[in-house]
Amino acid sequence: MKNFLKVIAVCMMALGIFSFSTLYTGSKTVKVSESTITWKGYKIGGEHSGSIKLTSGMLDFKRGKLTGGTFKINMTSIAVTDLKGSYKEKLEGHLKSDDFFGVSKYPEATLVFTEVQSIKKETYHVLAKLTLKGITKELKFDMKVDATSAETSLKIDRTKFGVRYGSASFFNNLKDKAIRDEFDLTVRLVF
């Protein structure tokens, strides 16, 4: 009988903890050292990939549902992961230059969720404002959120933020030097 009561007590405690976590209201701080942002950019006949780091991040919840988020991205941390040596250094320097993200003048980008809608269990449709190079534009993407992490993949049109270098949308006769306007971001947030 004692063992039976212990089992019931443990089950009740587990249920209480589970209920509390699913009904959580408040902000959760993103663990920036455990979170990742990877990027992939495309050019005619190839691609490059790399990473970038978060400075800070918060996800807001109400009764266990995602309701908002605010993030700061360290633009000076842009890294290339598919090249080595001088090629890597050259591309990283170019991405940080005024041709691309101008990180000396704009060292930080921000992303603020403006609307969040639950579309199915653990999946949300997010409307957000991204500020990059001092220009703010709206983004839409879906995000999967569980008890300890969130993930999303999205495309960003760099030309909307004044990053036009190598864009066939703005320059003629680029031929094999053209770079696609959109680049991909894959984000995993741990909190």
N, C-alpha and C. Protein backbone atom coordinates (compact mmCIF):
# COMPACT_ATOMS: atom_id res chain seq x y z
N MET A 1 0.82 -1.20 0.00
CA MET A 1 0.00 0.00 0.00
C MET A 1 0.86 1.26 0.00
N LYS A 2 1.98 1.25 0.79
CA LYS A 2 2.87 2.40 0.82
C LYS A 2 3.46 2.67 -0.56
N ASN A 3 3.88 1.60 -1.24
CA ASN A 3 4.44 1.77 -2.58
C ASN A 3 3.41 2.33 -3.54
N PHE A 4 2.18 1.89 -3.41
CA PHE A 4 1.10 2.39 -4.27
C PHE A 4 0.90 3.89 -4.04
N LEU A 5 0.89 4.32 -2.77
CA LEU A 5 0.73 5.74 -2.44
C LEU A 5 1.91 6.56 -2.95
N LYS A 6 3.12 5.99 -2.88
CA LYS A 6 4.29 6.69 -3.41
C LYS A 6 4.17 6.89 -4.91
N VAL A 7 3.71 5.85 -5.61
CA VAL A 7 3.53 5.94 -7.07
C VAL A 7 2.51 7.03 -7.40
N ILE A 8 1.41 7.06 -6.65
CA ILE A 8 0.39 8.08 -6.89
C ILE A 8 0.95 9.47 -6.61
N ALA A 9 1.72 9.62 -5.53
CA ALA A 9 2.31 10.92 -5.20
C ALA A 9 3.26 11.39 -6.29
N VAL A 10 4.09 10.47 -6.78
CA VAL A 10 5.03 10.82 -7.86
C VAL A 10 4.25 11.22 -9.12
N CYS A 11 3.21 10.48 -9.45
CA CYS A 11 2.40 10.81 -10.63
C CYS A 11 1.75 12.18 -10.48
N MET A 12 1.25 12.48 -9.27
CA MET A 12 0.61 13.79 -9.02
C MET A 12 1.62 14.92 -9.15
N MET A 13 2.84 14.70 -8.64
CA MET A 13 3.88 15.72 -8.77
C MET A 13 4.24 15.93 -10.24
N ALA A 14 4.39 14.85 -10.98
CA ALA A 14 4.73 14.95 -12.41
C ALA A 14 3.63 15.68 -13.16
N LEU A 15 2.37 15.36 -12.84
CA LEU A 15 1.24 16.04 -13.48
C LEU A 15 1.24 17.52 -13.14
N GLY A 16 1.55 17.85 -11.89
CA GLY A 16 1.60 19.25 -11.48
C GLY A 16 2.69 20.01 -12.21
N ILE A 17 3.87 19.40 -12.32
CA ILE A 17 4.98 20.04 -13.04
C ILE A 17 4.63 20.20 -14.51
N PHE A 18 4.05 19.15 -15.11
CA PHE A 18 3.66 19.23 -16.52
C PHE A 18 2.62 20.32 -16.74
N SER A 19 1.61 20.38 -15.85
CA SER A 19 0.58 21.40 -15.98
C SER A 19 1.15 22.79 -15.86
N PHE A 20 2.10 22.98 -14.92
CA PHE A 20 2.72 24.29 -14.75
C PHE A 20 3.47 24.70 -16.00
N SER A 21 4.24 23.75 -16.58
CA SER A 21 5.06 24.11 -17.75
C SER A 21 4.19 24.40 -18.96
N THR A 22 3.06 23.70 -19.11
CA THR A 22 2.22 23.96 -20.27
C THR A 22 1.39 25.23 -20.10
N LEU A 23 1.27 25.71 -18.87
CA LEU A 23 0.50 26.93 -18.64
C LEU A 23 1.41 28.11 -18.30
N TYR A 24 2.68 28.01 -18.61
CA TYR A 24 3.66 29.03 -18.26
C TYR A 24 3.29 30.37 -18.89
N THR A 25 3.38 31.41 -18.09
CA THR A 25 3.17 32.77 -18.57
C THR A 25 4.39 33.59 -18.14
N GLY A 26 4.98 34.29 -19.11
CA GLY A 26 6.16 35.10 -18.83
C GLY A 26 7.14 35.03 -19.97
N SER A 27 8.34 35.51 -19.73
CA SER A 27 9.39 35.52 -20.75
C SER A 27 10.46 34.49 -20.42
N LYS A 28 10.94 33.83 -21.45
CA LYS A 28 12.05 32.89 -21.29
C LYS A 28 13.25 33.46 -22.04
N THR A 29 14.38 33.51 -21.35
CA THR A 29 15.61 34.02 -21.94
C THR A 29 16.25 32.94 -22.80
N VAL A 30 16.62 33.32 -24.01
CA VAL A 30 17.29 32.39 -24.92
C VAL A 30 18.74 32.25 -24.49
N LYS A 31 19.22 31.01 -24.44
CA LYS A 31 20.61 30.73 -24.10
C LYS A 31 21.44 30.91 -25.38
N VAL A 32 22.05 32.08 -25.53
CA VAL A 32 22.72 32.43 -26.78
C VAL A 32 23.90 31.50 -27.09
N SER A 33 24.57 30.99 -26.06
CA SER A 33 25.72 30.13 -26.30
C SER A 33 25.32 28.75 -26.82
N GLU A 34 24.07 28.36 -26.60
CA GLU A 34 23.58 27.07 -27.06
C GLU A 34 22.72 27.18 -28.31
N SER A 35 22.34 28.39 -28.68
CA SER A 35 21.48 28.62 -29.85
C SER A 35 22.33 28.81 -31.10
N THR A 36 21.75 28.52 -32.27
CA THR A 36 22.50 28.65 -33.52
C THR A 36 21.69 29.35 -34.59
N ILE A 37 22.39 30.14 -35.39
CA ILE A 37 21.82 30.71 -36.61
C ILE A 37 22.80 30.39 -37.73
N THR A 38 22.34 29.68 -38.74
CA THR A 38 23.18 29.40 -39.90
C THR A 38 22.56 30.06 -41.12
N TRP A 39 23.41 30.47 -42.05
CA TRP A 39 22.94 31.12 -43.27
C TRP A 39 23.49 30.40 -44.48
N LYS A 40 22.77 30.58 -45.60
CA LYS A 40 23.24 30.05 -46.87
C LYS A 40 22.87 31.06 -47.95
N GLY A 41 23.87 31.51 -48.72
CA GLY A 41 23.66 32.44 -49.81
C GLY A 41 24.00 31.76 -51.13
N TYR A 42 23.35 32.21 -52.19
CA TYR A 42 23.47 31.54 -53.48
C TYR A 42 23.96 32.49 -54.56
N LYS A 43 24.83 31.97 -55.42
CA LYS A 43 25.30 32.71 -56.59
C LYS A 43 25.14 31.78 -57.79
N ILE A 44 25.33 32.32 -58.97
CA ILE A 44 25.23 31.49 -60.17
C ILE A 44 26.30 30.40 -60.07
N GLY A 45 25.85 29.16 -60.10
CA GLY A 45 26.79 28.04 -60.08
C GLY A 45 27.37 27.69 -58.73
N GLY A 46 26.82 28.21 -57.64
CA GLY A 46 27.37 27.86 -56.35
C GLY A 46 26.64 28.46 -55.17
N GLU A 47 27.20 28.26 -54.02
CA GLU A 47 26.61 28.78 -52.78
C GLU A 47 27.71 28.88 -51.73
N HIS A 48 27.42 29.65 -50.68
CA HIS A 48 28.29 29.73 -49.52
C HIS A 48 27.42 29.64 -48.28
N SER A 49 28.01 29.14 -47.20
CA SER A 49 27.26 29.00 -45.95
C SER A 49 28.11 29.47 -44.78
N GLY A 50 27.41 29.75 -43.69
CA GLY A 50 28.11 30.22 -42.51
C GLY A 50 27.20 30.34 -41.32
N SER A 51 27.65 31.12 -40.35
CA SER A 51 26.89 31.29 -39.12
C SER A 51 26.94 32.74 -38.67
N ILE A 52 26.07 33.04 -37.75
CA ILE A 52 26.02 34.36 -37.13
C ILE A 52 25.50 34.15 -35.71
N LYS A 53 25.89 35.02 -34.77
CA LYS A 53 25.54 34.79 -33.36
C LYS A 53 24.49 35.77 -32.86
N LEU A 54 23.69 35.26 -31.94
CA LEU A 54 22.75 36.10 -31.21
C LEU A 54 23.49 36.87 -30.13
N THR A 55 23.08 38.10 -29.91
CA THR A 55 23.55 38.87 -28.76
C THR A 55 22.65 38.59 -27.57
N SER A 56 21.33 38.57 -27.84
CA SER A 56 20.34 38.28 -26.78
C SER A 56 19.03 37.87 -27.43
N GLY A 57 18.18 37.26 -26.62
CA GLY A 57 16.87 36.87 -27.13
C GLY A 57 15.92 36.52 -26.00
N MET A 58 14.64 36.82 -26.21
CA MET A 58 13.58 36.49 -25.26
C MET A 58 12.38 35.97 -26.04
N LEU A 59 11.74 34.95 -25.50
CA LEU A 59 10.46 34.47 -26.03
C LEU A 59 9.40 34.67 -24.96
N ASP A 60 8.25 35.20 -25.36
CA ASP A 60 7.17 35.49 -24.42
C ASP A 60 6.07 34.43 -24.57
N PHE A 61 5.52 34.02 -23.42
CA PHE A 61 4.48 33.01 -23.39
C PHE A 61 3.31 33.48 -22.53
N LYS A 62 2.12 33.04 -22.90
CA LYS A 62 0.93 33.27 -22.08
C LYS A 62 0.16 31.96 -22.05
N ARG A 63 0.00 31.42 -20.84
CA ARG A 63 -0.70 30.15 -20.65
C ARG A 63 -0.13 29.05 -21.54
N GLY A 64 1.21 29.03 -21.62
CA GLY A 64 1.89 27.98 -22.36
C GLY A 64 1.97 28.20 -23.85
N LYS A 65 1.42 29.28 -24.36
CA LYS A 65 1.43 29.56 -25.80
C LYS A 65 2.40 30.70 -26.12
N LEU A 66 3.13 30.56 -27.20
CA LEU A 66 4.04 31.62 -27.64
C LEU A 66 3.24 32.85 -28.03
N THR A 67 3.65 34.02 -27.52
CA THR A 67 2.95 35.26 -27.84
C THR A 67 3.86 36.35 -28.39
N GLY A 68 5.18 36.19 -28.24
CA GLY A 68 6.08 37.25 -28.71
C GLY A 68 7.53 36.85 -28.60
N GLY A 69 8.38 37.72 -29.09
CA GLY A 69 9.81 37.48 -29.01
C GLY A 69 10.58 38.71 -29.43
N THR A 70 11.76 38.87 -28.88
CA THR A 70 12.65 39.98 -29.20
C THR A 70 14.08 39.46 -29.25
N PHE A 71 14.81 39.81 -30.31
CA PHE A 71 16.15 39.28 -30.50
C PHE A 71 17.10 40.36 -31.01
N LYS A 72 18.36 40.25 -30.59
CA LYS A 72 19.42 41.09 -31.12
C LYS A 72 20.47 40.17 -31.72
N ILE A 73 20.92 40.49 -32.93
CA ILE A 73 21.87 39.67 -33.66
C ILE A 73 23.17 40.43 -33.82
N ASN A 74 24.29 39.78 -33.51
CA ASN A 74 25.61 40.39 -33.59
C ASN A 74 26.12 40.28 -35.03
N MET A 75 25.95 41.33 -35.81
CA MET A 75 26.33 41.31 -37.23
C MET A 75 27.85 41.20 -37.41
N THR A 76 28.62 41.61 -36.41
CA THR A 76 30.08 41.50 -36.53
C THR A 76 30.56 40.06 -36.42
N SER A 77 29.66 39.16 -36.04
CA SER A 77 30.03 37.75 -35.87
C SER A 77 29.83 36.92 -37.14
N ILE A 78 29.48 37.55 -38.25
CA ILE A 78 29.27 36.81 -39.51
C ILE A 78 30.51 35.96 -39.79
N ALA A 79 30.28 34.66 -39.97
CA ALA A 79 31.38 33.74 -40.25
C ALA A 79 31.03 32.88 -41.46
N VAL A 80 32.03 32.52 -42.21
CA VAL A 80 31.89 31.62 -43.36
C VAL A 80 32.39 30.25 -42.91
N THR A 81 31.59 29.22 -43.16
CA THR A 81 31.98 27.88 -42.69
C THR A 81 32.33 26.91 -43.82
N ASP A 82 32.12 27.31 -45.08
CA ASP A 82 32.40 26.39 -46.18
C ASP A 82 33.73 26.68 -46.87
N LEU A 83 34.48 27.66 -46.40
CA LEU A 83 35.79 27.99 -46.96
C LEU A 83 36.83 28.01 -45.85
N LYS A 84 38.10 27.96 -46.24
CA LYS A 84 39.20 28.03 -45.28
C LYS A 84 40.24 29.04 -45.74
N GLY A 85 41.09 29.43 -44.80
CA GLY A 85 42.23 30.27 -45.12
C GLY A 85 41.86 31.64 -45.68
N SER A 86 42.62 32.07 -46.67
CA SER A 86 42.44 33.42 -47.21
C SER A 86 41.09 33.59 -47.91
N TYR A 87 40.55 32.52 -48.51
CA TYR A 87 39.23 32.62 -49.16
C TYR A 87 38.14 32.91 -48.12
N LYS A 88 38.23 32.23 -46.99
CA LYS A 88 37.28 32.45 -45.89
C LYS A 88 37.39 33.89 -45.39
N GLU A 89 38.60 34.34 -45.13
CA GLU A 89 38.83 35.69 -44.61
C GLU A 89 38.35 36.75 -45.60
N LYS A 90 38.60 36.53 -46.88
CA LYS A 90 38.20 37.50 -47.90
C LYS A 90 36.67 37.62 -47.96
N LEU A 91 35.96 36.47 -47.98
CA LEU A 91 34.50 36.52 -48.05
C LEU A 91 33.91 37.12 -46.77
N GLU A 92 34.43 36.75 -45.61
CA GLU A 92 33.93 37.33 -44.36
C GLU A 92 34.12 38.84 -44.36
N GLY A 93 35.28 39.30 -44.81
CA GLY A 93 35.53 40.74 -44.88
C GLY A 93 34.57 41.43 -45.83
N HIS A 94 34.29 40.79 -46.97
CA HIS A 94 33.38 41.39 -47.95
C HIS A 94 31.95 41.44 -47.39
N LEU A 95 31.50 40.38 -46.73
CA LEU A 95 30.15 40.37 -46.15
C LEU A 95 30.00 41.44 -45.06
N LYS A 96 31.07 41.73 -44.35
CA LYS A 96 31.03 42.75 -43.30
C LYS A 96 31.20 44.17 -43.83
N SER A 97 31.60 44.29 -45.09
CA SER A 97 31.86 45.61 -45.70
C SER A 97 30.55 46.30 -46.08
N ASP A 98 30.68 47.54 -46.51
CA ASP A 98 29.51 48.31 -46.93
C ASP A 98 28.84 47.74 -48.18
N ASP A 99 29.53 46.92 -48.97
CA ASP A 99 28.90 46.25 -50.11
C ASP A 99 27.74 45.37 -49.64
N PHE A 100 27.88 44.80 -48.46
CA PHE A 100 26.85 43.91 -47.92
C PHE A 100 26.25 44.51 -46.65
N PHE A 101 26.70 44.10 -45.47
CA PHE A 101 25.99 44.43 -44.23
C PHE A 101 26.57 45.61 -43.45
N GLY A 102 27.67 46.19 -43.87
CA GLY A 102 28.20 47.40 -43.25
C GLY A 102 28.27 47.33 -41.74
N VAL A 103 28.90 46.28 -41.20
CA VAL A 103 28.83 46.03 -39.76
C VAL A 103 29.54 47.07 -38.90
N SER A 104 30.47 47.84 -39.48
CA SER A 104 31.10 48.88 -38.66
C SER A 104 30.09 49.97 -38.30
N LYS A 105 29.16 50.24 -39.19
CA LYS A 105 28.12 51.24 -38.94
C LYS A 105 26.87 50.61 -38.33
N TYR A 106 26.58 49.35 -38.70
CA TYR A 106 25.38 48.65 -38.23
C TYR A 106 25.79 47.32 -37.58
N PRO A 107 26.37 47.36 -36.38
CA PRO A 107 26.88 46.14 -35.76
C PRO A 107 25.80 45.19 -35.23
N GLU A 108 24.57 45.66 -35.19
CA GLU A 108 23.51 44.85 -34.61
C GLU A 108 22.26 44.90 -35.48
N ALA A 109 21.60 43.77 -35.60
CA ALA A 109 20.28 43.69 -36.23
C ALA A 109 19.30 43.28 -35.15
N THR A 110 18.02 43.63 -35.32
CA THR A 110 17.01 43.24 -34.34
C THR A 110 15.83 42.58 -35.04
N LEU A 111 15.19 41.69 -34.32
CA LEU A 111 13.98 41.03 -34.79
C LEU A 111 12.97 41.07 -33.66
N VAL A 112 11.79 41.62 -33.94
CA VAL A 112 10.75 41.74 -32.93
C VAL A 112 9.47 41.12 -33.48
N PHE A 113 8.91 40.14 -32.75
CA PHE A 113 7.64 39.53 -33.16
C PHE A 113 6.53 40.56 -32.93
N THR A 114 5.68 40.76 -33.93
CA THR A 114 4.56 41.69 -33.79
C THR A 114 3.23 40.98 -33.71
N GLU A 115 3.17 39.75 -34.21
CA GLU A 115 1.94 38.97 -34.14
C GLU A 115 2.30 37.49 -34.19
N VAL A 116 1.67 36.71 -33.34
CA VAL A 116 1.93 35.27 -33.29
C VAL A 116 0.58 34.55 -33.27
N GLN A 117 0.41 33.60 -34.19
CA GLN A 117 -0.82 32.81 -34.25
C GLN A 117 -0.48 31.33 -34.17
N SER A 118 -1.16 30.62 -33.30
CA SER A 118 -0.99 29.17 -33.21
C SER A 118 -1.69 28.54 -34.41
N ILE A 119 -0.95 27.70 -35.18
CA ILE A 119 -1.58 27.07 -36.34
C ILE A 119 -1.77 25.57 -36.15
N LYS A 120 -1.00 24.97 -35.28
CA LYS A 120 -1.21 23.59 -34.85
C LYS A 120 -0.32 23.36 -33.63
N LYS A 121 -0.44 22.21 -33.03
CA LYS A 121 0.30 21.95 -31.79
C LYS A 121 1.78 22.24 -32.00
N GLU A 122 2.32 23.12 -31.17
CA GLU A 122 3.74 23.50 -31.14
C GLU A 122 4.21 24.25 -32.39
N THR A 123 3.31 24.67 -33.27
CA THR A 123 3.70 25.40 -34.47
C THR A 123 2.94 26.72 -34.53
N TYR A 124 3.68 27.79 -34.82
CA TYR A 124 3.10 29.13 -34.83
C TYR A 124 3.45 29.84 -36.13
N HIS A 125 2.54 30.68 -36.59
CA HIS A 125 2.82 31.59 -37.70
C HIS A 125 3.21 32.92 -37.07
N VAL A 126 4.38 33.44 -37.45
CA VAL A 126 4.92 34.65 -36.83
C VAL A 126 5.02 35.77 -37.86
N LEU A 127 4.54 36.93 -37.49
CA LEU A 127 4.77 38.17 -38.23
C LEU A 127 5.76 38.97 -37.38
N ALA A 128 6.85 39.40 -38.00
CA ALA A 128 7.90 40.08 -37.22
C ALA A 128 8.46 41.25 -38.00
N LYS A 129 9.17 42.12 -37.30
CA LYS A 129 9.88 43.23 -37.93
C LYS A 129 11.37 43.01 -37.75
N LEU A 130 12.08 42.94 -38.88
CA LEU A 130 13.53 42.80 -38.88
C LEU A 130 14.13 44.15 -39.22
N THR A 131 15.07 44.60 -38.39
CA THR A 131 15.82 45.82 -38.69
C THR A 131 17.25 45.42 -39.00
N LEU A 132 17.67 45.72 -40.22
CA LEU A 132 18.98 45.35 -40.74
C LEU A 132 19.52 46.54 -41.52
N LYS A 133 20.71 46.97 -41.21
CA LYS A 133 21.31 48.16 -41.83
C LYS A 133 20.42 49.40 -41.66
N GLY A 134 19.76 49.48 -40.52
CA GLY A 134 18.92 50.64 -40.23
C GLY A 134 17.59 50.66 -40.95
N ILE A 135 17.24 49.60 -41.67
CA ILE A 135 15.99 49.51 -42.43
C ILE A 135 15.13 48.43 -41.78
N THR A 136 13.85 48.75 -41.55
CA THR A 136 12.94 47.81 -40.92
C THR A 136 11.91 47.33 -41.93
N LYS A 137 11.77 46.00 -42.02
CA LYS A 137 10.80 45.38 -42.93
C LYS A 137 10.11 44.23 -42.20
N GLU A 138 8.91 43.91 -42.66
CA GLU A 138 8.17 42.79 -42.08
C GLU A 138 8.60 41.46 -42.68
N LEU A 139 8.60 40.45 -41.85
CA LEU A 139 8.88 39.07 -42.26
C LEU A 139 7.75 38.18 -41.77
N LYS A 140 7.48 37.10 -42.50
CA LYS A 140 6.52 36.09 -42.07
C LYS A 140 7.22 34.74 -42.11
N PHE A 141 7.02 33.95 -41.07
CA PHE A 141 7.60 32.61 -41.04
C PHE A 141 6.86 31.76 -40.01
N ASP A 142 7.04 30.46 -40.12
CA ASP A 142 6.48 29.53 -39.15
C ASP A 142 7.59 29.09 -38.20
N MET A 143 7.21 28.88 -36.94
CA MET A 143 8.18 28.49 -35.92
C MET A 143 7.62 27.33 -35.11
N LYS A 144 8.44 26.31 -34.91
CA LYS A 144 8.07 25.18 -34.06
C LYS A 144 8.68 25.41 -32.69
N VAL A 145 7.86 25.28 -31.65
CA VAL A 145 8.30 25.55 -30.28
C VAL A 145 7.92 24.38 -29.38
N ASP A 146 8.89 23.86 -28.63
CA ASP A 146 8.58 22.85 -27.63
C ASP A 146 8.95 23.40 -26.25
N ALA A 147 9.10 22.55 -25.27
CA ALA A 147 9.32 23.01 -23.90
C ALA A 147 10.66 23.69 -23.67
N THR A 148 11.66 23.39 -24.51
CA THR A 148 13.00 23.95 -24.25
C THR A 148 13.67 24.56 -25.47
N SER A 149 13.02 24.52 -26.63
CA SER A 149 13.66 25.06 -27.83
C SER A 149 12.63 25.52 -28.86
N ALA A 150 13.12 26.28 -29.83
CA ALA A 150 12.29 26.75 -30.94
C ALA A 150 13.14 26.69 -32.20
N GLU A 151 12.49 26.38 -33.33
CA GLU A 151 13.21 26.26 -34.59
C GLU A 151 12.41 26.89 -35.71
N THR A 152 13.14 27.48 -36.66
CA THR A 152 12.50 28.01 -37.86
C THR A 152 13.52 28.07 -38.99
N SER A 153 13.01 28.08 -40.20
CA SER A 153 13.81 28.33 -41.40
C SER A 153 13.08 29.41 -42.19
N LEU A 154 13.83 30.38 -42.70
CA LEU A 154 13.20 31.46 -43.44
C LEU A 154 14.12 32.01 -44.51
N LYS A 155 13.51 32.70 -45.46
CA LYS A 155 14.25 33.37 -46.52
C LYS A 155 14.18 34.87 -46.29
N ILE A 156 15.29 35.55 -46.53
CA ILE A 156 15.33 37.01 -46.40
C ILE A 156 15.81 37.59 -47.72
N ASP A 157 15.06 38.55 -48.23
CA ASP A 157 15.46 39.27 -49.44
C ASP A 157 16.36 40.43 -49.02
N ARG A 158 17.64 40.26 -49.24
CA ARG A 158 18.63 41.25 -48.79
C ARG A 158 18.44 42.62 -49.44
N THR A 159 17.90 42.65 -50.67
CA THR A 159 17.76 43.92 -51.38
C THR A 159 16.75 44.85 -50.70
N LYS A 160 15.83 44.28 -49.93
CA LYS A 160 14.87 45.11 -49.20
C LYS A 160 15.53 45.89 -48.07
N PHE A 161 16.76 45.49 -47.73
CA PHE A 161 17.52 46.15 -46.67
C PHE A 161 18.72 46.91 -47.24
N GLY A 162 18.65 47.22 -48.52
CA GLY A 162 19.70 48.02 -49.16
C GLY A 162 20.96 47.25 -49.51
N VAL A 163 20.92 45.92 -49.46
CA VAL A 163 22.08 45.09 -49.80
C VAL A 163 21.90 44.64 -51.25
N ARG A 164 22.44 45.43 -52.17
CA ARG A 164 22.19 45.19 -53.59
C ARG A 164 23.40 44.67 -54.36
N TYR A 165 24.51 44.51 -53.70
CA TYR A 165 25.74 44.08 -54.37
C TYR A 165 25.49 42.78 -55.14
N GLY A 166 25.83 42.76 -56.42
CA GLY A 166 25.73 41.56 -57.23
C GLY A 166 24.31 41.12 -57.55
N SER A 167 23.32 41.98 -57.33
CA SER A 167 21.92 41.62 -57.57
C SER A 167 21.53 41.88 -59.03
N ALA A 168 21.08 40.85 -59.72
CA ALA A 168 20.61 41.00 -61.10
C ALA A 168 19.33 41.82 -61.16
N SER A 169 18.67 42.02 -60.05
CA SER A 169 17.47 42.86 -60.00
C SER A 169 17.83 44.34 -60.15
N PHE A 170 19.10 44.70 -59.90
CA PHE A 170 19.51 46.10 -59.93
C PHE A 170 20.64 46.38 -60.91
N PHE A 171 21.39 45.35 -61.29
CA PHE A 171 22.54 45.56 -62.17
C PHE A 171 22.46 44.63 -63.38
N ASN A 172 22.79 45.17 -64.54
CA ASN A 172 22.79 44.39 -65.79
C ASN A 172 24.16 43.77 -66.03
N ASN A 173 24.19 42.78 -66.88
CA ASN A 173 25.44 42.16 -67.37
C ASN A 173 26.31 41.56 -66.27
N LEU A 174 25.69 41.05 -65.22
CA LEU A 174 26.48 40.41 -64.16
C LEU A 174 26.91 39.00 -64.55
N LYS A 175 26.14 38.38 -65.42
CA LYS A 175 26.41 37.02 -65.90
C LYS A 175 26.67 36.08 -64.74
N ASP A 176 27.83 35.42 -64.71
CA ASP A 176 28.09 34.44 -63.66
C ASP A 176 28.53 35.07 -62.34
N LYS A 177 28.50 36.39 -62.24
CA LYS A 177 28.85 37.09 -60.99
C LYS A 177 27.60 37.44 -60.18
N ALA A 178 26.42 37.10 -60.71
CA ALA A 178 25.17 37.45 -60.03
C ALA A 178 25.00 36.64 -58.74
N ILE A 179 24.47 37.32 -57.73
CA ILE A 179 24.18 36.70 -56.43
C ILE A 179 22.67 36.81 -56.21
N ARG A 180 22.06 35.72 -55.80
CA ARG A 180 20.61 35.75 -55.57
C ARG A 180 20.25 36.76 -54.50
N ASP A 181 19.07 37.36 -54.67
CA ASP A 181 18.59 38.35 -53.71
C ASP A 181 18.27 37.72 -52.36
N GLU A 182 17.72 36.51 -52.36
CA GLU A 182 17.32 35.86 -51.11
C GLU A 182 18.43 34.97 -50.57
N PHE A 183 18.55 34.97 -49.26
CA PHE A 183 19.41 34.01 -48.59
C PHE A 183 18.59 33.29 -47.51
N ASP A 184 19.03 32.11 -47.13
CA ASP A 184 18.32 31.28 -46.15
C ASP A 184 18.92 31.43 -44.77
N LEU A 185 18.05 31.42 -43.77
CA LEU A 185 18.47 31.36 -42.37
C LEU A 185 17.80 30.15 -41.73
N THR A 186 18.57 29.39 -40.97
CA THR A 186 18.03 28.30 -40.16
C THR A 186 18.39 28.62 -38.72
N VAL A 187 17.36 28.69 -37.89
CA VAL A 187 17.54 29.16 -36.51
C VAL A 187 17.09 28.09 -35.53
N ARG A 188 17.93 27.83 -34.53
CA ARG A 188 17.55 26.97 -33.41
C ARG A 188 17.82 27.72 -32.12
N LEU A 189 16.77 27.98 -31.37
CA LEU A 189 16.87 28.71 -30.12
C LEU A 189 16.70 27.75 -28.95
N VAL A 190 17.57 27.83 -27.98
CA VAL A 190 17.47 27.02 -26.76
C VAL A 190 17.19 27.95 -25.59
N PHE A 191 16.20 27.59 -24.77
CA PHE A 191 15.86 28.43 -23.61
C PHE A 191 15.62 27.59 -22.38
